[in-house]
Protein backbone atom coordinates (compact mmCIF):
# COMPACT_ATOMS: atom_id res chain seq x y z
CA MET A 1 101.62 116.01 39.11
CA ASP A 2 104.23 113.80 37.39
CA LYS A 3 107.62 114.91 36.08
CA VAL A 4 106.42 115.18 32.47
CA SER A 5 103.54 117.50 33.38
CA ALA A 6 105.77 119.68 35.57
CA PHE A 7 108.36 120.09 32.79
CA LYS A 8 105.59 120.85 30.28
CA LYS A 9 104.32 123.62 32.52
CA ALA A 10 107.87 124.93 33.04
CA LYS A 11 108.41 124.97 29.27
CA ASP A 12 105.29 127.10 28.84
CA TRP A 13 106.59 129.61 31.42
CA ALA A 14 109.94 129.70 29.62
CA GLU A 15 108.43 130.41 26.19
CA ASN A 16 105.00 132.03 26.58
CA SER A 17 105.03 135.76 25.82
CA CYS A 18 102.44 136.42 28.53
CA PHE A 19 105.33 136.15 30.99
CA ASP A 20 107.97 138.88 31.14
CA ALA A 21 111.52 138.33 29.86
CA SER A 22 113.04 138.00 33.33
CA THR A 23 110.58 135.26 34.30
CA ARG A 24 111.08 133.36 31.04
CA LYS A 25 114.86 133.52 31.46
CA GLU A 26 114.72 132.28 35.07
CA VAL A 27 112.68 129.21 34.12
CA ALA A 28 114.68 128.55 30.96
CA GLN A 29 117.86 128.36 33.01
CA LEU A 30 116.27 125.78 35.31
CA ILE A 31 115.37 123.64 32.30
CA GLU A 32 118.75 124.04 30.61
CA SER A 33 120.61 123.03 33.76
CA ASP A 34 118.23 120.09 34.27
CA GLN A 35 117.31 121.09 37.83
CA THR A 36 114.63 118.43 38.11
CA LYS A 37 113.96 118.74 41.84
CA GLU A 38 113.65 122.54 41.64
CA ILE A 39 111.31 122.31 38.65
CA LEU A 40 109.14 119.80 40.47
CA GLU A 41 109.06 122.06 43.54
CA ARG A 42 108.03 125.06 41.43
CA PHE A 43 105.65 123.47 38.92
CA SER A 44 104.21 120.27 40.38
CA CYS A 45 101.36 122.23 41.94
CA GLU A 46 99.80 125.68 42.22
CA LEU A 47 100.73 128.02 45.05
CA ALA A 48 98.07 127.27 47.63
CA PHE A 49 95.59 130.01 48.43
CA GLY A 50 94.83 129.17 52.03
CA THR A 51 92.22 130.36 54.48
CA GLY A 52 93.84 133.78 54.96
CA GLY A 53 95.69 134.27 51.70
CA MET A 54 98.99 132.85 50.52
CA ARG A 55 102.66 132.89 51.47
CA GLY A 56 105.70 131.28 49.93
CA LEU A 57 109.11 131.59 48.35
CA VAL A 58 109.52 134.35 45.78
CA GLY A 59 110.42 133.15 42.30
CA ALA A 60 109.11 132.06 38.93
CA GLY A 61 106.69 129.14 38.89
CA THR A 62 103.14 128.17 39.69
CA ALA A 63 104.07 127.23 43.28
CA ARG A 64 106.01 130.44 43.96
CA VAL A 65 105.08 134.00 44.87
CA ASN A 66 105.46 136.23 41.83
CA ARG A 67 103.53 138.89 39.91
CA TYR A 68 101.55 136.19 38.08
CA THR A 69 100.39 134.27 41.13
CA MET A 70 99.57 137.69 42.62
CA LYS A 71 97.45 138.46 39.54
CA LYS A 72 95.73 135.10 39.86
CA ALA A 73 94.89 135.64 43.56
CA THR A 74 93.63 139.17 42.92
CA THR A 75 91.53 138.09 39.95
CA ALA A 76 89.91 135.46 42.18
CA LEU A 77 89.22 138.12 44.81
CA CYS A 78 87.67 140.43 42.19
CA LEU A 79 85.39 137.68 40.88
CA TYR A 80 84.27 136.80 44.38
CA MET A 81 83.64 140.44 45.33
CA LYS A 82 81.50 140.88 42.22
CA GLU A 83 79.61 137.75 43.22
CA VAL A 84 78.96 139.00 46.76
CA TYR A 85 78.46 142.71 46.01
CA GLY A 86 76.95 142.35 42.55
CA ASN A 87 74.49 145.21 42.95
CA LYS A 88 76.96 147.65 44.47
CA SER A 89 78.10 150.33 42.03
CA SER A 90 81.42 151.19 43.67
CA LEU A 91 83.74 148.64 45.28
CA LYS A 92 86.83 149.63 47.26
CA VAL A 93 89.91 147.77 48.50
CA ALA A 94 92.63 149.05 50.86
CA ILE A 95 96.21 147.96 50.11
CA SER A 96 99.48 148.27 51.99
CA PHE A 97 102.80 146.42 52.13
CA ASP A 98 105.87 145.69 54.23
CA SER A 99 109.60 146.15 53.61
CA ARG A 100 110.23 143.07 51.50
CA ASN A 101 112.00 143.78 48.23
CA THR A 102 109.06 142.74 46.06
CA SER A 103 106.22 144.10 48.22
CA LYS A 104 105.89 147.55 46.65
CA GLU A 105 106.01 146.05 43.14
CA PHE A 106 103.34 143.52 44.09
CA SER A 107 101.13 146.26 45.57
CA GLU A 108 101.12 147.96 42.18
CA VAL A 109 100.42 144.70 40.34
CA VAL A 110 97.49 143.98 42.64
CA SER A 111 96.12 147.52 42.31
CA SER A 112 96.30 147.25 38.52
CA VAL A 113 94.27 144.03 38.48
CA LEU A 114 91.63 145.56 40.76
CA ALA A 115 91.45 148.63 38.50
CA TYR A 116 90.89 146.45 35.41
CA HIS A 117 87.89 144.97 37.21
CA GLY A 118 86.58 148.43 38.08
CA ILE A 119 87.51 148.32 41.77
CA HIS A 120 88.96 151.42 43.47
CA THR A 121 92.11 151.13 45.57
CA TYR A 122 93.21 153.07 48.66
CA LEU A 123 96.94 152.46 48.46
CA THR A 124 99.82 153.50 50.70
CA ARG A 125 102.69 155.02 48.77
CA GLU A 126 105.17 153.66 51.29
CA LEU A 127 105.27 150.65 53.59
CA ARG A 128 102.96 150.65 56.61
CA PRO A 129 102.20 148.20 59.47
CA THR A 130 99.77 145.37 58.80
CA PRO A 131 97.44 146.43 61.67
CA MET A 132 97.17 149.83 59.99
CA LEU A 133 95.86 148.08 56.87
CA SER A 134 93.19 146.44 59.03
CA PHE A 135 92.26 149.89 60.30
CA MET A 136 92.24 151.35 56.76
CA VAL A 137 89.66 148.83 55.57
CA ARG A 138 87.03 150.12 57.96
CA HIS A 139 88.14 153.76 57.95
CA PHE A 140 87.76 154.02 54.16
CA GLN A 141 84.65 151.79 54.24
CA CYS A 142 86.22 149.24 51.93
CA GLU A 143 84.76 145.87 51.01
CA ALA A 144 88.16 144.19 51.36
CA GLY A 145 91.84 144.77 52.06
CA ILE A 146 95.15 143.28 50.93
CA CYS A 147 98.49 143.40 52.70
CA LEU A 148 101.60 142.31 50.82
CA THR A 149 103.68 140.77 53.57
CA ALA A 150 105.34 137.60 54.74
CA SER A 151 105.46 138.82 58.34
CA HIS A 152 108.59 137.43 60.05
CA ASN A 153 109.51 134.86 57.39
CA PRO A 154 113.04 134.84 55.88
CA PRO A 155 113.91 137.35 53.10
CA SER A 156 113.21 134.81 50.36
CA TYR A 157 109.48 134.80 51.20
CA ASN A 158 106.57 137.07 50.47
CA GLY A 159 102.84 136.78 50.83
CA TYR A 160 99.33 138.04 50.23
CA LYS A 161 97.01 138.54 53.18
CA VAL A 162 93.32 139.25 52.52
CA TYR A 163 90.93 141.14 54.80
CA TRP A 164 87.16 141.54 54.59
CA ALA A 165 84.92 144.54 55.26
CA ASP A 166 84.97 144.05 59.05
CA GLY A 167 88.75 144.62 59.06
CA GLY A 168 89.56 141.03 59.97
CA GLN A 169 91.33 138.47 57.82
CA ILE A 170 88.99 136.41 55.68
CA VAL A 171 87.28 133.40 57.25
CA ASP A 172 84.43 131.17 56.13
CA PRO A 173 82.55 131.67 53.83
CA HIS A 174 84.73 134.31 52.16
CA ASP A 175 87.93 132.25 52.20
CA GLU A 176 86.24 129.29 50.53
CA GLY A 177 84.53 131.58 48.00
CA ILE A 178 87.83 133.14 46.91
CA ILE A 179 89.62 129.79 46.89
CA SER A 180 86.89 128.36 44.65
CA HIS A 181 87.48 131.07 42.03
CA TYR A 182 91.26 130.80 42.46
CA ASN A 183 91.26 127.06 41.74
CA ARG A 184 89.28 127.56 38.54
CA LEU A 185 91.81 130.01 37.05
CA ASP A 186 94.15 127.73 35.12
CA ASN A 187 95.51 129.96 32.34
CA TYR A 188 97.83 132.80 33.27
CA ALA A 189 97.55 134.27 29.78
CA HIS A 190 93.89 135.03 30.48
CA LEU A 191 94.58 137.11 33.60
CA LYS A 192 93.97 140.76 32.76
CA SER A 193 95.12 144.03 34.30
CA PHE A 194 95.87 147.64 33.46
CA GLU A 195 99.39 148.99 33.53
CA PHE A 196 99.86 150.74 36.87
CA ASN A 197 100.23 154.21 35.37
CA GLU A 198 97.07 153.63 33.35
CA ALA A 199 95.19 152.62 36.50
CA CYS A 200 96.35 155.86 38.18
CA GLU A 201 95.37 157.98 35.18
CA LYS A 202 91.90 156.43 35.08
CA GLY A 203 91.41 157.47 38.74
CA PHE A 204 91.21 153.99 40.23
CA ILE A 205 94.02 154.57 42.76
CA THR A 206 94.05 156.96 45.71
CA TYR A 207 97.25 157.33 47.70
CA CYS A 208 96.17 157.60 51.32
CA ASP A 209 99.27 157.55 53.55
CA GLU A 210 98.73 160.98 55.10
CA GLU A 211 95.04 160.51 55.91
CA ALA A 212 95.51 156.94 57.13
CA ASP A 213 98.42 157.96 59.38
CA LEU A 214 96.47 160.85 60.87
CA HIS A 215 93.40 158.82 61.79
CA TYR A 216 95.31 155.71 62.86
CA LEU A 217 97.37 157.79 65.31
CA LYS A 218 94.20 159.47 66.54
CA VAL A 219 92.53 156.20 67.55
CA GLN A 220 95.79 154.94 69.04
CA ARG A 221 95.44 157.66 71.68
CA GLU A 222 92.44 155.74 73.06
CA VAL A 223 94.62 152.78 74.08
CA THR A 224 95.50 154.16 77.49
CA TYR A 225 94.37 153.16 80.98
CA ARG A 226 96.42 155.27 83.38
CA GLN A 227 98.38 158.49 83.17
CA PRO A 228 101.85 157.84 84.60
CA LYS A 229 103.56 161.08 85.63
CA LYS A 230 107.03 159.77 84.80
CA ARG A 231 107.67 159.24 81.10
CA ASP A 232 111.35 160.10 80.85
CA GLN A 233 112.56 156.50 80.74
CA LYS A 234 115.11 155.72 78.05
CA ILE A 235 113.60 153.20 75.65
CA VAL A 236 115.28 151.56 72.67
CA TYR A 237 113.23 150.37 69.72
CA THR A 238 114.10 148.32 66.65
CA PRO A 239 111.69 147.86 63.74
CA LEU A 240 114.01 145.08 62.45
CA HIS A 241 114.22 146.82 59.06
CA GLY A 242 110.44 146.84 58.79
CA ALA A 243 107.31 148.98 58.79
CA GLY A 244 107.06 149.79 62.50
CA GLY A 245 109.52 152.66 62.21
CA THR A 246 107.07 154.60 60.04
CA ILE A 247 104.52 155.01 62.87
CA LEU A 248 105.67 153.98 66.35
CA PRO A 249 108.26 156.77 66.93
CA ARG A 250 105.57 159.36 66.11
CA LEU A 251 103.10 157.74 68.50
CA MET A 252 105.63 157.53 71.33
CA LYS A 253 106.54 161.19 70.92
CA GLU A 254 102.84 162.07 71.13
CA ARG A 255 102.65 160.00 74.33
CA GLY A 256 105.42 162.10 75.87
CA TYR A 257 108.30 159.62 75.59
CA GLU A 258 111.09 161.89 74.41
CA ASN A 259 113.90 159.42 75.17
CA PHE A 260 112.81 156.94 72.53
CA PHE A 261 115.78 155.75 70.49
CA LEU A 262 115.87 153.67 67.28
CA VAL A 263 118.66 151.15 66.72
CA PRO A 264 120.70 152.86 63.95
CA GLU A 265 121.63 149.68 62.06
CA GLN A 266 118.00 148.44 61.97
CA LYS A 267 115.87 151.56 61.63
CA ASP A 268 115.71 151.72 57.83
CA PRO A 269 113.52 149.36 55.75
CA ASP A 270 115.53 146.59 54.10
CA GLY A 271 113.97 143.44 52.68
CA LEU A 272 117.20 141.49 53.13
CA PHE A 273 117.13 142.01 56.91
CA PRO A 274 120.94 142.12 56.89
CA THR A 275 121.55 142.39 60.64
CA VAL A 276 119.53 139.36 61.78
CA THR A 277 119.30 135.68 60.98
CA SER A 278 115.54 135.90 61.36
CA PRO A 279 113.48 139.13 61.57
CA ASN A 280 111.29 137.58 64.24
CA PRO A 281 111.19 139.19 67.71
CA GLU A 282 110.41 135.74 69.13
CA ASP A 283 114.02 134.91 68.27
CA THR A 284 116.16 136.36 71.07
CA GLU A 285 119.05 136.87 68.63
CA ALA A 286 116.95 139.49 66.83
CA LEU A 287 117.22 141.71 69.91
CA VAL A 288 121.00 141.50 70.32
CA LEU A 289 121.74 144.82 68.60
CA GLY A 290 118.87 146.46 70.48
CA LYS A 291 120.26 145.40 73.83
CA ALA A 292 123.77 146.51 72.90
CA TYR A 293 122.45 149.93 71.87
CA ALA A 294 120.38 150.12 75.07
CA ASP A 295 123.49 149.47 77.13
CA LYS A 296 125.23 152.27 75.25
CA LYS A 297 122.32 154.69 75.82
CA GLY A 298 121.68 153.64 79.41
CA ALA A 299 118.21 152.31 78.56
CA ARG A 300 116.58 149.46 80.46
CA LEU A 301 113.75 148.61 78.06
CA VAL A 302 114.01 147.30 74.48
CA LEU A 303 111.08 146.91 72.08
CA ALA A 304 111.17 145.09 68.74
CA THR A 305 108.56 144.67 66.03
CA ASP A 306 108.64 142.22 63.14
CA PRO A 307 108.76 143.52 59.52
CA ASP A 308 105.00 144.11 59.25
CA ALA A 309 104.75 145.36 62.86
CA ASP A 310 102.01 143.12 64.17
CA ARG A 311 104.19 141.24 66.71
CA LEU A 312 105.97 142.89 69.61
CA GLY A 313 109.06 141.59 71.38
CA VAL A 314 110.01 143.02 74.78
CA SER A 315 113.22 142.80 76.78
CA PHE A 316 113.98 144.67 79.99
CA LYS A 317 116.76 144.82 82.53
CA ASN A 318 116.19 143.12 85.85
CA ASN A 319 119.07 144.38 87.98
CA ASP A 320 121.89 143.99 85.43
CA THR A 321 120.45 141.10 83.43
CA TRP A 322 118.36 141.35 80.28
CA VAL A 323 115.08 139.41 80.52
CA ASP A 324 113.06 138.53 77.40
CA LEU A 325 109.32 138.21 77.81
CA ASN A 326 107.56 135.49 75.87
CA GLY A 327 104.13 136.04 74.36
CA ASN A 328 102.25 134.35 77.19
CA GLU A 329 103.98 136.46 79.83
CA MET A 330 103.42 139.71 77.94
CA ALA A 331 99.74 138.94 77.32
CA SER A 332 99.25 138.04 81.00
CA LEU A 333 100.90 141.24 82.23
CA LEU A 334 98.96 143.51 79.87
CA THR A 335 95.64 141.73 80.46
CA SER A 336 96.11 142.03 84.22
CA TYR A 337 97.08 145.70 83.84
CA ILE A 338 93.99 146.47 81.74
CA PHE A 339 91.62 144.74 84.17
CA SER A 340 93.10 146.24 87.33
CA SER A 341 93.11 149.71 85.76
CA LEU A 342 89.49 149.47 84.65
CA ALA A 343 88.44 148.05 88.03
CA GLU A 344 89.99 151.04 89.80
CA ASN A 345 87.68 153.24 87.74
CA SER A 346 84.62 151.14 88.67
CA PHE A 347 84.27 149.73 85.15
CA SER A 348 81.47 147.17 84.79
CA PHE A 349 82.74 143.98 83.15
CA LYS A 350 79.24 142.49 82.81
CA ASN A 351 78.94 142.90 79.05
CA SER A 352 82.66 142.63 78.20
CA TYR A 353 84.91 139.85 77.03
CA ILE A 354 88.44 138.89 76.06
CA VAL A 355 89.67 136.29 73.57
CA LYS A 356 92.64 133.90 73.58
CA THR A 357 93.79 131.17 71.25
CA ASN A 358 93.78 127.58 72.40
CA VAL A 359 97.60 127.42 72.58
CA THR A 360 97.82 130.58 74.71
CA THR A 361 98.27 130.48 78.49
CA ASP A 362 95.16 129.83 80.55
CA LEU A 363 96.23 132.66 82.85
CA LEU A 364 94.22 135.00 80.61
CA ARG A 365 91.04 133.06 81.32
CA LYS A 366 91.71 133.04 85.06
CA ILE A 367 92.37 136.79 85.15
CA ALA A 368 89.15 137.49 83.24
CA HIS A 369 87.08 135.21 85.46
CA LYS A 370 88.37 137.00 88.57
CA TYR A 371 86.52 140.07 87.28
CA SER A 372 83.45 138.06 86.12
CA CYS A 373 84.36 138.76 82.52
CA ASP A 374 83.85 136.27 79.69
CA CYS A 375 86.88 134.72 78.02
CA TYR A 376 86.38 133.07 74.64
CA GLU A 377 88.85 130.64 73.15
CA THR A 378 89.49 129.93 69.49
CA LEU A 379 92.03 128.53 67.03
CA THR A 380 95.60 129.75 66.57
CA GLY A 381 95.76 132.89 64.45
CA PHE A 382 94.45 136.36 65.13
CA LYS A 383 91.93 136.10 62.30
CA TRP A 384 89.90 133.80 64.54
CA ILE A 385 90.04 136.33 67.37
CA ALA A 386 88.86 138.99 64.89
CA SER A 387 86.05 136.69 63.77
CA ILE A 388 84.77 136.43 67.34
CA MET A 389 85.07 140.22 67.68
CA ALA A 390 82.84 140.68 64.63
CA LYS A 391 80.22 138.28 66.04
CA LYS A 392 80.23 139.77 69.53
CA GLU A 393 80.04 143.32 68.16
CA LYS A 394 76.66 142.40 66.64
CA GLU A 395 75.59 141.16 70.08
CA GLY A 396 76.51 144.52 71.62
CA LYS A 397 79.40 143.16 73.69
CA THR A 398 82.58 145.12 74.48
CA PHE A 399 85.97 143.72 73.46
CA LEU A 400 88.67 144.48 76.03
CA CYS A 401 91.71 142.63 74.69
CA GLY A 402 92.95 139.49 72.98
CA GLY A 403 96.24 137.65 72.96
CA GLU A 404 98.15 134.76 71.47
CA GLU A 405 101.38 133.12 72.53
CA SER A 406 103.35 134.23 69.46
CA LEU A 407 103.78 137.85 70.66
CA GLY A 408 100.40 138.95 69.32
CA PHE A 409 98.20 141.25 71.38
CA LEU A 410 95.38 143.74 70.83
CA ALA A 411 93.59 146.17 73.14
CA LYS A 412 90.44 148.02 71.98
CA ASP A 413 88.71 147.10 68.73
CA PHE A 414 89.53 149.71 66.07
CA VAL A 415 92.02 147.23 64.61
CA ARG A 416 90.94 143.66 63.90
CA ASP A 417 94.37 142.08 63.95
CA LYS A 418 97.24 141.87 66.39
CA ASP A 419 98.81 145.31 66.67
CA ALA A 420 102.41 145.79 67.80
CA ILE A 421 102.08 149.58 67.53
CA SER A 422 99.35 150.02 70.14
CA THR A 423 100.81 147.18 72.21
CA ALA A 424 104.24 148.83 72.32
CA ALA A 425 102.75 152.11 73.54
CA LEU A 426 100.61 150.23 76.07
CA PHE A 427 103.58 148.28 77.39
CA CYS A 428 105.52 151.52 77.88
CA GLU A 429 102.59 152.93 79.85
CA PHE A 430 102.54 149.77 81.97
CA TYR A 431 106.33 149.99 82.43
CA SER A 432 106.06 153.63 83.54
CA TYR A 433 103.34 152.69 86.00
CA CYS A 434 105.54 149.92 87.43
CA GLU A 435 108.34 152.43 87.99
CA GLU A 436 105.95 154.81 89.72
CA LYS A 437 104.90 152.01 92.06
CA LYS A 438 108.56 150.99 92.48
CA GLN A 439 107.84 147.49 91.18
CA SER A 440 109.79 145.55 88.60
CA VAL A 441 108.07 143.80 85.70
CA LEU A 442 109.07 140.44 87.18
CA GLU A 443 107.59 141.36 90.55
CA VAL A 444 104.27 142.13 88.86
CA LEU A 445 104.41 138.80 87.02
CA ASP A 446 105.12 137.05 90.32
CA THR A 447 102.02 138.59 91.90
CA ILE A 448 100.00 137.03 89.05
CA TYR A 449 101.61 133.65 89.73
CA GLU A 450 100.97 133.96 93.47
CA GLU A 451 97.29 134.53 92.81
CA PHE A 452 96.61 132.10 89.96
CA GLY A 453 99.45 129.59 90.14
CA VAL A 454 102.66 129.27 88.15
CA HIS A 455 102.04 128.60 84.45
CA SER A 456 104.85 127.44 82.20
CA GLU A 457 104.66 127.05 78.43
CA SER A 458 107.10 126.18 75.67
CA LEU A 459 107.03 125.68 71.93
CA LYS A 460 109.03 123.25 69.81
CA THR A 461 108.99 123.83 66.06
CA LEU A 462 110.27 121.35 63.49
CA SER A 463 111.10 122.78 60.05
CA LEU A 464 110.43 120.25 57.31
CA PRO A 465 110.66 122.04 53.94
CA GLY A 466 109.77 120.77 50.48
CA LEU A 467 107.49 117.99 49.32
CA ASP A 468 109.35 115.46 51.47
CA GLY A 469 108.79 117.67 54.50
CA LEU A 470 105.08 117.94 53.79
CA GLU A 471 104.87 114.17 53.62
CA LYS A 472 106.63 113.90 57.00
CA ILE A 473 104.30 116.47 58.58
CA ASN A 474 101.26 114.56 57.32
CA LYS A 475 102.73 111.32 58.65
CA ILE A 476 103.26 112.82 62.11
CA MET A 477 99.72 114.18 62.25
CA SER A 478 98.27 110.88 61.03
CA SER A 479 100.18 108.87 63.63
CA PHE A 480 98.97 111.06 66.49
CA ARG A 481 95.45 111.28 65.07
CA ALA A 482 95.26 107.49 65.21
CA PHE A 483 96.47 107.59 68.81
CA GLU A 484 94.89 104.87 70.90
CA LYS A 485 97.10 104.84 73.97
CA LYS A 486 95.67 105.97 77.27
CA GLU A 487 98.94 107.29 78.62
CA PHE A 488 102.20 109.01 77.73
CA PHE A 489 105.26 107.81 79.66
CA GLY A 490 103.18 106.74 82.65
CA LEU A 491 100.98 109.86 82.59
CA GLN A 492 97.29 109.20 82.00
CA VAL A 493 95.67 110.95 79.04
CA LEU A 494 92.58 112.62 80.46
CA GLU A 495 91.36 114.14 77.22
CA PHE A 496 92.20 113.87 73.53
CA LEU A 497 90.65 116.40 71.14
CA ASP A 498 90.82 116.25 67.35
CA TYR A 499 89.77 119.64 65.98
CA LYS A 500 89.69 118.31 62.41
CA LYS A 501 87.41 115.35 63.04
CA ARG A 502 85.72 117.27 65.88
CA THR A 503 85.92 114.21 68.09
CA LYS A 504 87.04 113.66 71.63
CA HIS A 505 88.19 110.77 73.78
CA SER A 506 88.08 111.31 77.52
CA SER A 507 88.59 109.48 80.76
CA LYS A 508 85.61 111.45 82.07
CA ASN A 509 82.09 111.91 80.80
CA SER A 510 82.10 115.69 81.00
CA TYR A 511 82.38 116.37 77.28
CA LYS A 512 79.94 118.82 75.72
CA GLU A 513 79.50 119.26 71.98
CA GLU A 514 79.54 123.06 72.36
CA ALA A 515 83.23 122.77 73.18
CA PHE A 516 83.82 123.06 69.41
CA THR A 517 81.38 125.94 68.84
CA LEU A 518 84.05 128.61 68.43
CA PHE A 519 86.50 126.26 66.70
CA PRO A 520 86.20 125.85 62.94
CA GLU A 521 87.52 122.57 61.58
CA SER A 522 91.32 122.62 61.77
CA ASP A 523 94.26 120.22 61.70
CA VAL A 524 94.97 120.46 65.43
CA LEU A 525 95.34 117.76 68.09
CA SER A 526 95.25 118.29 71.85
CA PHE A 527 96.30 115.93 74.65
CA SER A 528 95.49 116.85 78.26
CA LEU A 529 97.32 114.68 80.76
CA GLU A 530 97.24 114.23 84.50
CA ASN A 531 99.32 116.61 86.65
CA ASN A 532 98.04 119.57 84.58
CA LEU A 533 100.30 118.80 81.62
CA LYS A 534 99.17 119.42 78.08
CA VAL A 535 100.52 119.18 74.54
CA MET A 536 98.94 120.50 71.35
CA ILE A 537 100.16 119.66 67.84
CA ARG A 538 99.49 121.48 64.58
CA PRO A 539 101.15 122.13 61.22
CA SER A 540 101.95 125.77 60.56
CA GLY A 541 99.47 127.46 58.26
CA THR A 542 102.13 129.64 56.63
CA GLU A 543 105.41 127.71 56.67
CA ALA A 544 106.71 124.17 56.17
CA LYS A 545 106.73 123.48 59.90
CA ILE A 546 104.98 121.45 62.54
CA LYS A 547 104.55 122.91 66.01
CA PHE A 548 104.31 121.30 69.45
CA TYR A 549 102.94 123.43 72.30
CA PHE A 550 103.69 122.20 75.81
CA SER A 551 102.17 123.64 78.97
CA PHE A 552 102.04 123.00 82.71
CA ALA A 553 99.90 124.76 85.32
CA GLU A 554 100.09 124.50 89.09
CA ASP A 555 97.02 123.26 90.90
CA MET A 556 96.54 125.94 93.57
CA ARG A 557 94.11 123.76 95.54
CA THR A 558 96.79 121.22 96.45
CA LEU A 559 99.77 123.55 96.56
CA PRO A 560 101.71 123.37 99.83
CA SER A 561 103.52 126.36 101.33
CA ILE A 562 106.50 126.35 99.00
CA PRO A 563 108.37 129.58 98.14
CA LEU A 564 107.43 131.01 94.75
CA LYS A 565 111.00 130.80 93.48
CA THR A 566 111.06 127.05 94.16
CA ARG A 567 107.63 126.62 92.60
CA LYS A 568 108.76 128.34 89.41
CA GLU A 569 111.86 126.15 89.24
CA ASN A 570 109.78 123.01 89.81
CA SER A 571 107.30 124.12 87.15
CA LEU A 572 109.99 124.64 84.53
CA HIS A 573 111.63 121.33 85.42
CA THR A 574 108.32 119.46 85.10
CA LEU A 575 107.60 121.05 81.74
CA LYS A 576 111.12 120.54 80.38
CA SER A 577 111.22 116.87 81.42
CA PHE A 578 107.86 116.17 79.82
CA GLN A 579 108.84 117.96 76.60
CA GLU A 580 112.17 116.15 76.29
CA ASN A 581 110.54 112.78 76.96
CA PHE A 582 107.80 113.46 74.44
CA LEU A 583 110.11 114.63 71.64
CA SER A 584 112.58 111.81 72.20
CA HIS A 585 109.85 109.34 71.23
CA LEU A 586 108.96 111.25 68.08
CA SER A 587 109.72 109.38 64.88
CA PHE A 588 108.80 109.85 61.22
């Protein structure tokens, strides 16, 4: 869209009475102060409704998250639901939200649009974890679900995450169906809704916190594999000002963990996340207050969940040093714990499976194969794991667990999204078991490395905001997609996969077309090099970022008798050198 068209659209938002006074004033001030770049950013396009929903900066404008873009997205969902369930007399949608300042308001806006279209809402009165919303969809037998959340994004963001009747985030064909309706809605004045109080009075909204809590906690009790006798460990937990504090302390008390302490400065919901730079447990700085409080309380384990409580961060003391687990390490430890526990009880793995994303450590596959259990691989994002769960459920197969490198994990299948609540309780059970066996967490991880080889992974993320950033991201992807070299820095490229074009170049003739069976078309590139090095590249689906995933795995067949400590050091050095060399040649 050109400058003239963007300003014309901005002028409409500043003057049209279909927008509230606050919105009109915000846009009018942009026009009066001639903030051309900001107006172009806000009005040169529509906020994209992607394959799982939408996420963006909060503010007035067609390319921002606000009550009007929320109405547009919900109207599109209503139209699509009517299209799919046309003959069904009563349609239901579950709705919940996180701690962001606009989330509760947006939940009421969304509920009011649904009510206007005759769709009943099961709504939480207060914030609740995203995985609980996934559970609510199936528990209340809803046709869809909506969670108002921007996960671990900065305070200036919010988002709209859509789930389907199976409890998983929408995938094809539902995503494309909703997007099709969304793209045809071009007049905000035509978007209709009730007032929220009117929707309540007409009986379209049922507050369900108490019932949802009760049943969600009940099924959480099933995520247990051993019964450690010792549960008096001191554990510190921080919800990072988010939704986890509404549920996890209750669950841990039920599990018998009486010494479970919340970080005082971070226990209350606050959409500004005032104590952290980023409310993301992947960021070690987010755990600083938790560790300080743990030192004060004499605790040796710290847990952290992001604002919508689907990601879990873990830090523990090894001797007198705090150690932060990354997502690959946590998933490997918990997967190994689940398998070994089930094996001790003579569990048959014949009809079972696990799922991992293609950027997650291959240790998960090796652990599963040890027990003759299937391991499926799919794209980044837990919605793809949930999609496989839905397919395999119809085949009568049993889901054991799934993991992704970004601190996402799920055991059992009553939730169809990553679940930091059940994962936190499971990790505490694992931790208690380690203490009973007089093993440290690192010693358990080392036993996994001894058996399957040392695996090292790292992630480099480049933030490239705005329209200029998007252009740079596209340029980077295009340059690598057109890659014709057969080596990187003297290392032979053994395999190059393009998940968007669904093509592959290989130095071997072992390629099979079914390699893409579980991988929908996606803007992802993968380079497998000699010496068990690998790099995968993809733009973020939710932020203005491009991500580079680097990995290295030991080849146990050729490994000489070198002490594990040395092998781990060599592994990290190999990975770090490759990553630095790769990124130093990056240009855009």
